[in-house]
C-alpha atoms as a PDB file:
ATOM      1  CA  MET A   1      -0.225  -0.026   0.115  1.00  0.00           C
ATOM      2  CA  ASN A   2       1.568   3.184  -0.851  1.00  0.00           C
ATOM      3  CA  ARG A   3       1.334   6.353   1.170  1.00  0.00           C
ATOM      4  CA  GLU A   4      -0.210   8.628  -1.187  1.00  0.00           C
ATOM      5  CA  ASN A   5      -3.334   6.374  -1.794  1.00  0.00           C
ATOM      6  CA  GLY A   6      -3.117   4.879   1.929  1.00  0.00           C
ATOM      7  CA  GLY A   7      -6.771   6.031   2.799  1.00  0.00           C
ATOM      8  CA  ASN A   8      -8.210   4.703  -0.719  1.00  0.00           C
ATOM      9  CA  ASP A   9      -6.211   1.430  -0.238  1.00  0.00           C
ATOM     10  CA  MET A  10      -7.329   0.708   3.105  1.00  0.00           C
ATOM     11  CA  LYS A  11     -11.301   1.478   2.153  1.00  0.00           C
ATOM     12  CA  SER A  12     -10.683  -0.843  -0.663  1.00  0.00           C
ATOM     13  CA  MET A  13      -9.233  -3.483   1.862  1.00  0.00           C
ATOM     14  CA  GLU A  14     -11.992  -3.082   4.171  1.00  0.00           C
ATOM     15  CA  HIS A  15     -14.694  -3.221   1.450  1.00  0.00           C
ATOM     16  CA  ARG A  16     -13.064  -6.819   0.436  1.00  0.00           C
ATOM     17  CA  ALA A  17     -12.653  -7.977   3.787  1.00  0.00           C
ATOM     18  CA  GLU A  18     -16.358  -7.314   4.379  1.00  0.00           C
ATOM     19  CA  GLU A  19     -17.332  -9.451   1.223  1.00  0.00           C
ATOM     20  CA  PHE A  20     -14.842 -12.280   2.315  1.00  0.00           C
ATOM     21  CA  VAL A  21     -16.396 -12.572   5.741  1.00  0.00           C
ATOM     22  CA  SER A  22     -19.879 -12.353   4.044  1.00  0.00           C
ATOM     23  CA  LEU A  23     -18.949 -15.274   1.746  1.00  0.00           C
ATOM     24  CA  ALA A  24     -17.490 -17.185   4.763  1.00  0.00           C
ATOM     25  CA  PHE A  25     -20.850 -16.790   6.671  1.00  0.00           C
ATOM     26  CA  GLU A  26     -22.784 -17.704   3.483  1.00  0.00           C
ATOM     27  CA  VAL A  27     -20.889 -20.930   3.208  1.00  0.00           C
ATOM     28  CA  CYS A  28     -21.467 -21.472   6.959  1.00  0.00           C
ATOM     29  CA  GLU A  29     -25.311 -20.926   6.487  1.00  0.00           C
ATOM     30  CA  GLU A  30     -25.584 -23.422   3.382  1.00  0.00           C
ATOM     31  CA  ARG A  31     -23.797 -26.083   5.577  1.00  0.00           C
ATOM     32  CA  LEU A  32     -25.837 -25.331   8.557  1.00  0.00           C
ATOM     33  CA  ALA A  33     -29.132 -25.346   6.769  1.00  0.00           C
ATOM     34  CA  THR A  34     -28.675 -29.058   5.739  1.00  0.00           C
ATOM     35  CA  ARG A  35     -27.937 -29.850   9.515  1.00  0.00           C
ATOM     36  CA  ARG A  36     -29.014 -32.765  11.197  1.00  0.00           C
ATOM     37  CA  ALA A  37     -29.964 -32.386  14.880  1.00  0.00           C
ATOM     38  CA  PRO A  38     -27.760 -32.130  16.791  1.00  0.00           C
ATOM     39  CA  LEU A  39     -24.774 -30.291  14.949  1.00  0.00           C
ATOM     40  CA  THR A  40     -22.024 -32.514  13.726  1.00  0.00           C
ATOM     41  CA  ALA A  41     -18.493 -31.652  14.810  1.00  0.00           C
ATOM     42  CA  PRO A  42     -17.511 -30.340  11.368  1.00  0.00           C
ATOM     43  CA  GLN A  43     -20.575 -28.127  11.402  1.00  0.00           C
ATOM     44  CA  LYS A  44     -19.573 -26.646  14.676  1.00  0.00           C
ATOM     45  CA  ALA A  45     -16.180 -26.394  13.797  1.00  0.00           C
ATOM     46  CA  LEU A  46     -17.270 -24.445  10.443  1.00  0.00           C
ATOM     47  CA  ALA A  47     -19.301 -21.948  12.588  1.00  0.00           C
ATOM     48  CA  ALA A  48     -16.291 -21.405  14.931  1.00  0.00           C
ATOM     49  CA  ALA A  49     -13.951 -20.855  12.176  1.00  0.00           C
ATOM     50  CA  ALA A  50     -16.349 -18.298  10.385  1.00  0.00           C
ATOM     51  CA  MET A  51     -16.479 -16.567  13.478  1.00  0.00           C
ATOM     52  CA  GLY A  52     -12.586 -16.676  13.989  1.00  0.00           C
ATOM     53  CA  VAL A  53     -12.378 -15.243  10.398  1.00  0.00           C
ATOM     54  CA  LYS A  54     -14.581 -12.389  11.015  1.00  0.00           C
ATOM     55  CA  GLN A  55     -12.399 -11.408  14.349  1.00  0.00           C
ATOM     56  CA  SER A  56      -9.090 -12.040  13.095  1.00  0.00           C
ATOM     57  CA  ILE A  57      -9.979  -9.632  10.111  1.00  0.00           C
ATOM     58  CA  SER A  58     -11.381  -7.025  12.452  1.00  0.00           C
ATOM     59  CA  THR A  59      -8.352  -7.379  14.471  1.00  0.00           C
ATOM     60  CA  PHE A  60      -6.171  -6.898  11.440  1.00  0.00           C
ATOM     61  CA  LEU A  61      -7.857  -3.783  10.206  1.00  0.00           C
ATOM     62  CA  ALA A  62      -7.852  -2.161  13.544  1.00  0.00           C
ATOM     63  CA  VAL A  63      -4.239  -2.664  14.010  1.00  0.00           C
ATOM     64  CA  SER A  64      -3.440  -1.320  10.571  1.00  0.00           C
ATOM     65  CA  ARG A  65      -5.211   1.670  11.356  1.00  0.00           C
ATOM     66  CA  ILE A  66      -2.781   2.363  14.329  1.00  0.00           C
ATOM     67  CA  PRO A  67      -0.048   4.954  13.202  1.00  0.00           C
ATOM     68  CA  ASP A  68       3.604   4.036  13.250  1.00  0.00           C
ATOM     69  CA  ASP A  69       5.430   5.086  16.260  1.00  0.00           C
ATOM     70  CA  PRO A  70       8.027   7.842  14.995  1.00  0.00           C
ATOM     71  CA  SER A  71      10.221   7.047  17.702  1.00  0.00           C
ATOM     72  CA  GLY A  72      10.941   3.693  16.317  1.00  0.00           C
ATOM     73  CA  ALA A  73       9.897   2.170  19.800  1.00  0.00           C
ATOM     74  CA  GLU A  74       8.414  -1.363  19.870  1.00  0.00           C
END
């Protein structure tokens, strides 16, 4: 991502991330719609994975908004 277009690049990344999360939830919903009662282990794992993807992407986007520390401290 270059500095000149950073804001636009970030918005594009956020939009693509939202699309990806939506697709992950669609896949999950389709698999769970054909569920047997009770949920199978793979169905439970898929639901947990979809939520994990959403949280991971949200965390990545939040951290990427933090400005770099000009002092170089870590």
